[in-house]
Amino acid sequence: MKSSRVLSAIFVLLALALGSLATSACTSATDTGASSSSGNGSGGGY
């Protein structure tokens, strides 16, 4: 019974870690896309 609780706790922690990693990856990709597109826009403006 204790082992099942420990396993479930580890599974939840892993899920949270993966979720945070996915969120950070999405935000970093969005930031990169925004910076590159804004850079192209400013370059085109000049």
C-alpha atoms as a PDB file:
ATOM      1  CA  MET A   1       0.000   0.000   0.000  1.00  0.00           C
ATOM      2  CA  LYS A   2       2.824   2.401   0.813  1.00  0.00           C
ATOM      3  CA  SER A   3       4.653   1.564  -2.405  1.00  0.00           C
ATOM      4  CA  SER A   4       1.570   2.369  -4.488  1.00  0.00           C
ATOM      5  CA  ARG A   5       1.301   5.757  -2.778  1.00  0.00           C
ATOM      6  CA  VAL A   6       4.961   6.456  -3.433  1.00  0.00           C
ATOM      7  CA  LEU A   7       4.623   5.437  -7.067  1.00  0.00           C
ATOM      8  CA  SER A   8       1.556   7.624  -7.533  1.00  0.00           C
ATOM      9  CA  ALA A   9       3.363  10.575  -5.919  1.00  0.00           C
ATOM     10  CA  ILE A  10       6.364  10.073  -8.220  1.00  0.00           C
ATOM     11  CA  PHE A  11       4.057   9.840 -11.230  1.00  0.00           C
ATOM     12  CA  VAL A  12       2.332  13.096 -10.278  1.00  0.00           C
ATOM     13  CA  LEU A  13       5.682  14.841  -9.802  1.00  0.00           C
ATOM     14  CA  LEU A  14       6.895  13.600 -13.178  1.00  0.00           C
ATOM     15  CA  ALA A  15       3.688  14.798 -14.840  1.00  0.00           C
ATOM     16  CA  LEU A  16       4.091  18.241 -13.264  1.00  0.00           C
ATOM     17  CA  ALA A  17       7.734  18.415 -14.331  1.00  0.00           C
ATOM     18  CA  LEU A  18       6.860  17.453 -17.911  1.00  0.00           C
ATOM     19  CA  GLY A  19       4.050  19.996 -17.964  1.00  0.00           C
ATOM     20  CA  SER A  20       6.323  22.786 -16.761  1.00  0.00           C
ATOM     21  CA  LEU A  21       8.972  21.788 -19.303  1.00  0.00           C
ATOM     22  CA  ALA A  22       6.436  21.793 -22.129  1.00  0.00           C
ATOM     23  CA  THR A  23       5.128  25.185 -21.038  1.00  0.00           C
ATOM     24  CA  SER A  24       8.622  26.685 -20.860  1.00  0.00           C
ATOM     25  CA  ALA A  25       9.477  25.212 -24.270  1.00  0.00           C
ATOM     26  CA  CYS A  26       6.314  26.685 -25.802  1.00  0.00           C
ATOM     27  CA  THR A  27       6.968  30.122 -24.303  1.00  0.00           C
ATOM     28  CA  SER A  28      10.606  30.086 -25.418  1.00  0.00           C
ATOM     29  CA  ALA A  29       9.561  29.069 -28.941  1.00  0.00           C
ATOM     30  CA  THR A  30       6.955  31.829 -28.983  1.00  0.00           C
ATOM     31  CA  ASP A  31       9.476  34.371 -27.742  1.00  0.00           C
ATOM     32  CA  THR A  32      11.971  33.291 -30.394  1.00  0.00           C
ATOM     33  CA  GLY A  33       9.342  33.504 -33.122  1.00  0.00           C
ATOM     34  CA  ALA A  34       8.212  36.930 -31.932  1.00  0.00           C
ATOM     35  CA  SER A  35      11.768  38.265 -31.746  1.00  0.00           C
ATOM     36  CA  SER A  36      12.657  36.909 -35.190  1.00  0.00           C
ATOM     37  CA  SER A  37       9.459  38.243 -36.762  1.00  0.00           C
ATOM     38  CA  SER A  38       9.894  41.647 -35.085  1.00  0.00           C
ATOM     39  CA  GLY A  39      13.522  41.654 -36.199  1.00  0.00           C
ATOM     40  CA  ASN A  40      12.451  40.988 -39.771  1.00  0.00           C
ATOM     41  CA  GLY A  41       9.783  43.680 -39.498  1.00  0.00           C
ATOM     42  CA  SER A  42      12.236  46.290 -38.185  1.00  0.00           C
ATOM     43  CA  GLY A  43      14.770  45.231 -40.825  1.00  0.00           C
ATOM     44  CA  GLY A  44      12.173  45.618 -43.540  1.00  0.00           C
ATOM     45  CA  GLY A  45      11.147  48.990 -42.129  1.00  0.00           C
ATOM     46  CA  TYR A  46      14.704  50.230 -42.324  1.00  0.00           C
END
